[in-house]
Amino acid sequence: MKNSINHALALRINELLKQKNLTRYRLAMNSGVSHSTLKNIIHETVENNLLSTVILLAGGFDMTVSEFLDSPLFLEENLKL
């Protein structure tokens, strides 16, 4: 089953929160992305996520954007484009 980009992003954030033992609040503080924006991304109420937001979130996880996107979730064959 293919995921939307927004769904893949929400899954990846939740995956990394667990891996890195971070709370949403801590990620918001680390990344500079507001807690409400982060909540909206995770609950998929944001229609179009900006690359700039993804860059900030990757930094909040202390990762590069490439590391953040290095997941099968973001392979073209797994996404509805």
N, C-alpha and C. Protein backbone atom coordinates (compact mmCIF):
# COMPACT_ATOMS: atom_id res chain seq x y z
N MET A 1 0.84 -1.19 0.00
CA MET A 1 0.00 0.00 0.00
C MET A 1 0.88 1.24 0.00
N LYS A 2 0.54 2.19 -0.83
CA LYS A 2 1.31 3.42 -0.93
C LYS A 2 0.78 4.47 0.03
N ASN A 3 1.71 5.25 0.56
CA ASN A 3 1.37 6.32 1.50
C ASN A 3 1.46 7.67 0.80
N SER A 4 0.68 8.62 1.28
CA SER A 4 0.87 9.99 0.83
C SER A 4 2.18 10.50 1.44
N ILE A 5 2.71 11.54 0.88
CA ILE A 5 3.93 12.13 1.42
C ILE A 5 3.68 12.59 2.86
N ASN A 6 2.53 13.18 3.11
CA ASN A 6 2.21 13.65 4.46
C ASN A 6 2.16 12.49 5.45
N HIS A 7 1.58 11.37 5.02
CA HIS A 7 1.51 10.20 5.91
C HIS A 7 2.91 9.64 6.17
N ALA A 8 3.72 9.57 5.12
CA ALA A 8 5.10 9.08 5.28
C ALA A 8 5.88 9.98 6.24
N LEU A 9 5.68 11.29 6.13
CA LEU A 9 6.36 12.23 7.01
C LEU A 9 5.92 12.01 8.46
N ALA A 10 4.64 11.84 8.69
CA ALA A 10 4.13 11.60 10.05
C ALA A 10 4.69 10.29 10.60
N LEU A 11 4.72 9.25 9.78
CA LEU A 11 5.26 7.96 10.22
C LEU A 11 6.74 8.09 10.57
N ARG A 12 7.50 8.80 9.73
CA ARG A 12 8.94 8.96 9.97
C ARG A 12 9.20 9.74 11.26
N ILE A 13 8.44 10.79 11.49
CA ILE A 13 8.62 11.56 12.72
C ILE A 13 8.35 10.67 13.93
N ASN A 14 7.26 9.94 13.91
CA ASN A 14 6.94 9.05 15.04
C ASN A 14 8.01 7.98 15.23
N GLU A 15 8.51 7.44 14.13
CA GLU A 15 9.57 6.43 14.18
C GLU A 15 10.82 7.01 14.85
N LEU A 16 11.20 8.21 14.45
CA LEU A 16 12.41 8.83 15.01
C LEU A 16 12.21 9.29 16.45
N LEU A 17 11.00 9.72 16.79
CA LEU A 17 10.74 10.08 18.20
C LEU A 17 10.99 8.87 19.09
N LYS A 18 10.52 7.71 18.66
CA LYS A 18 10.74 6.49 19.45
C LYS A 18 12.21 6.10 19.48
N GLN A 19 12.85 6.11 18.30
CA GLN A 19 14.27 5.72 18.20
C GLN A 19 15.15 6.59 19.08
N LYS A 20 14.90 7.86 19.06
CA LYS A 20 15.76 8.82 19.77
C LYS A 20 15.23 9.17 21.16
N ASN A 21 14.14 8.52 21.54
CA ASN A 21 13.54 8.72 22.86
C ASN A 21 13.27 10.21 23.14
N LEU A 22 12.64 10.85 22.16
CA LEU A 22 12.30 12.27 22.28
C LEU A 22 10.78 12.43 22.39
N THR A 23 10.37 13.45 23.07
CA THR A 23 8.96 13.82 23.08
C THR A 23 8.70 14.80 21.94
N ARG A 24 7.45 14.97 21.59
CA ARG A 24 7.09 15.97 20.59
C ARG A 24 7.51 17.36 21.06
N TYR A 25 7.32 17.62 22.32
CA TYR A 25 7.69 18.92 22.88
C TYR A 25 9.19 19.17 22.70
N ARG A 26 10.01 18.17 23.03
CA ARG A 26 11.47 18.32 22.91
C ARG A 26 11.86 18.52 21.46
N LEU A 27 11.23 17.76 20.55
CA LEU A 27 11.52 17.94 19.13
C LEU A 27 11.15 19.35 18.69
N ALA A 28 10.02 19.85 19.13
CA ALA A 28 9.61 21.22 18.80
C ALA A 28 10.66 22.21 19.30
N MET A 29 11.12 22.03 20.53
CA MET A 29 12.13 22.94 21.10
C MET A 29 13.45 22.82 20.33
N ASN A 30 13.87 21.59 20.01
CA ASN A 30 15.15 21.37 19.31
C ASN A 30 15.12 21.91 17.88
N SER A 31 13.96 21.81 17.24
CA SER A 31 13.88 22.13 15.81
C SER A 31 13.47 23.57 15.53
N GLY A 32 12.78 24.21 16.46
CA GLY A 32 12.25 25.53 16.20
C GLY A 32 10.90 25.49 15.49
N VAL A 33 10.37 24.29 15.27
CA VAL A 33 9.04 24.13 14.69
C VAL A 33 8.06 24.18 15.85
N SER A 34 7.03 25.00 15.75
CA SER A 34 6.11 25.12 16.88
C SER A 34 5.45 23.78 17.19
N HIS A 35 5.11 23.61 18.46
CA HIS A 35 4.47 22.37 18.89
C HIS A 35 3.16 22.16 18.13
N SER A 36 2.42 23.23 17.90
CA SER A 36 1.14 23.09 17.19
C SER A 36 1.36 22.67 15.73
N THR A 37 2.39 23.20 15.07
CA THR A 37 2.70 22.78 13.70
C THR A 37 3.10 21.31 13.68
N LEU A 38 3.94 20.92 14.63
CA LEU A 38 4.38 19.53 14.72
C LEU A 38 3.17 18.61 14.92
N LYS A 39 2.28 19.01 15.82
CA LYS A 39 1.07 18.22 16.08
C LYS A 39 0.23 18.10 14.80
N ASN A 40 0.09 19.19 14.06
CA ASN A 40 -0.67 19.16 12.82
C ASN A 40 -0.03 18.26 11.77
N ILE A 41 1.30 18.25 11.70
CA ILE A 41 1.99 17.36 10.77
C ILE A 41 1.74 15.91 11.15
N ILE A 42 1.89 15.59 12.42
CA ILE A 42 1.72 14.21 12.89
C ILE A 42 0.28 13.74 12.70
N HIS A 43 -0.67 14.64 12.90
CA HIS A 43 -2.09 14.27 12.73
C HIS A 43 -2.56 14.46 11.28
N GLU A 44 -1.62 14.83 10.42
CA GLU A 44 -1.85 14.96 8.98
C GLU A 44 -2.96 15.96 8.62
N THR A 45 -3.01 17.04 9.37
CA THR A 45 -3.97 18.10 9.05
C THR A 45 -3.32 19.21 8.23
N VAL A 46 -2.03 19.09 7.96
CA VAL A 46 -1.32 20.03 7.10
C VAL A 46 -1.38 19.47 5.69
N GLU A 47 -1.89 20.27 4.75
CA GLU A 47 -2.05 19.76 3.41
C GLU A 47 -0.73 19.65 2.65
N ASN A 48 0.10 20.65 2.75
CA ASN A 48 1.38 20.65 2.05
C ASN A 48 2.49 21.02 3.03
N ASN A 49 3.32 20.05 3.34
CA ASN A 49 4.44 20.32 4.24
C ASN A 49 5.57 20.95 3.44
N LEU A 50 6.19 21.96 4.01
CA LEU A 50 7.26 22.67 3.34
C LEU A 50 8.60 22.00 3.58
N LEU A 51 9.46 22.03 2.58
CA LEU A 51 10.80 21.49 2.73
C LEU A 51 11.53 22.20 3.87
N SER A 52 11.29 23.49 4.03
CA SER A 52 11.95 24.21 5.12
C SER A 52 11.57 23.63 6.48
N THR A 53 10.34 23.18 6.63
CA THR A 53 9.91 22.54 7.88
C THR A 53 10.62 21.21 8.06
N VAL A 54 10.76 20.44 6.99
CA VAL A 54 11.46 19.16 7.06
C VAL A 54 12.92 19.38 7.45
N ILE A 55 13.53 20.42 6.91
CA ILE A 55 14.92 20.73 7.25
C ILE A 55 15.04 21.05 8.74
N LEU A 56 14.12 21.84 9.26
CA LEU A 56 14.14 22.16 10.69
C LEU A 56 13.94 20.91 11.54
N LEU A 57 12.99 20.06 11.15
CA LEU A 57 12.74 18.83 11.91
C LEU A 57 13.96 17.91 11.89
N ALA A 58 14.61 17.78 10.75
CA ALA A 58 15.82 16.96 10.67
C ALA A 58 16.86 17.49 11.65
N GLY A 59 17.04 18.80 11.68
CA GLY A 59 17.97 19.41 12.63
C GLY A 59 17.57 19.14 14.07
N GLY A 60 16.27 19.12 14.33
CA GLY A 60 15.79 18.82 15.67
C GLY A 60 16.11 17.41 16.11
N PHE A 61 16.22 16.51 15.15
CA PHE A 61 16.64 15.13 15.44
C PHE A 61 18.16 15.00 15.38
N ASP A 62 18.88 16.11 15.17
CA ASP A 62 20.33 16.12 15.02
C ASP A 62 20.76 15.24 13.85
N MET A 63 20.03 15.42 12.73
CA MET A 63 20.28 14.65 11.50
C MET A 63 20.35 15.62 10.33
N THR A 64 20.95 15.15 9.25
CA THR A 64 20.86 15.89 8.00
C THR A 64 19.52 15.55 7.35
N VAL A 65 19.12 16.35 6.39
CA VAL A 65 17.89 16.06 5.66
C VAL A 65 18.02 14.72 4.95
N SER A 66 19.18 14.44 4.42
CA SER A 66 19.42 13.15 3.74
C SER A 66 19.21 11.99 4.70
N GLU A 67 19.71 12.11 5.91
CA GLU A 67 19.51 11.05 6.91
C GLU A 67 18.03 10.91 7.25
N PHE A 68 17.36 12.04 7.40
CA PHE A 68 15.93 12.02 7.73
C PHE A 68 15.14 11.31 6.64
N LEU A 69 15.45 11.61 5.39
CA LEU A 69 14.71 11.04 4.27
C LEU A 69 15.19 9.65 3.87
N ASP A 70 16.27 9.17 4.50
CA ASP A 70 16.81 7.85 4.18
C ASP A 70 15.98 6.78 4.88
N SER A 71 14.81 6.54 4.33
CA SER A 71 13.86 5.58 4.88
C SER A 71 13.05 5.01 3.73
N PRO A 72 12.71 3.74 3.81
CA PRO A 72 11.85 3.16 2.76
C PRO A 72 10.52 3.89 2.62
N LEU A 73 10.12 4.61 3.66
CA LEU A 73 8.87 5.37 3.60
C LEU A 73 8.86 6.37 2.45
N PHE A 74 10.04 6.87 2.07
CA PHE A 74 10.13 7.91 1.07
C PHE A 74 10.55 7.42 -0.31
N LEU A 75 10.62 6.11 -0.51
CA LEU A 75 10.92 5.58 -1.84
C LEU A 75 9.72 5.84 -2.74
N GLU A 76 9.97 6.23 -3.99
CA GLU A 76 8.89 6.56 -4.90
C GLU A 76 7.85 5.46 -5.02
N GLU A 77 8.31 4.21 -5.02
CA GLU A 77 7.37 3.10 -5.17
C GLU A 77 6.46 2.94 -3.96
N ASN A 78 6.80 3.59 -2.85
CA ASN A 78 5.98 3.50 -1.64
C ASN A 78 5.09 4.72 -1.43
N LEU A 79 5.17 5.68 -2.34
CA LEU A 79 4.42 6.93 -2.20
C LEU A 79 3.37 7.11 -3.27
N LYS A 80 2.26 7.71 -2.90
CA LYS A 80 1.26 8.17 -3.87
C LYS A 80 1.69 9.57 -4.27
N LEU A 81 2.09 9.74 -5.48
CA LEU A 81 2.54 11.07 -5.95
C LEU A 81 1.51 11.69 -6.86
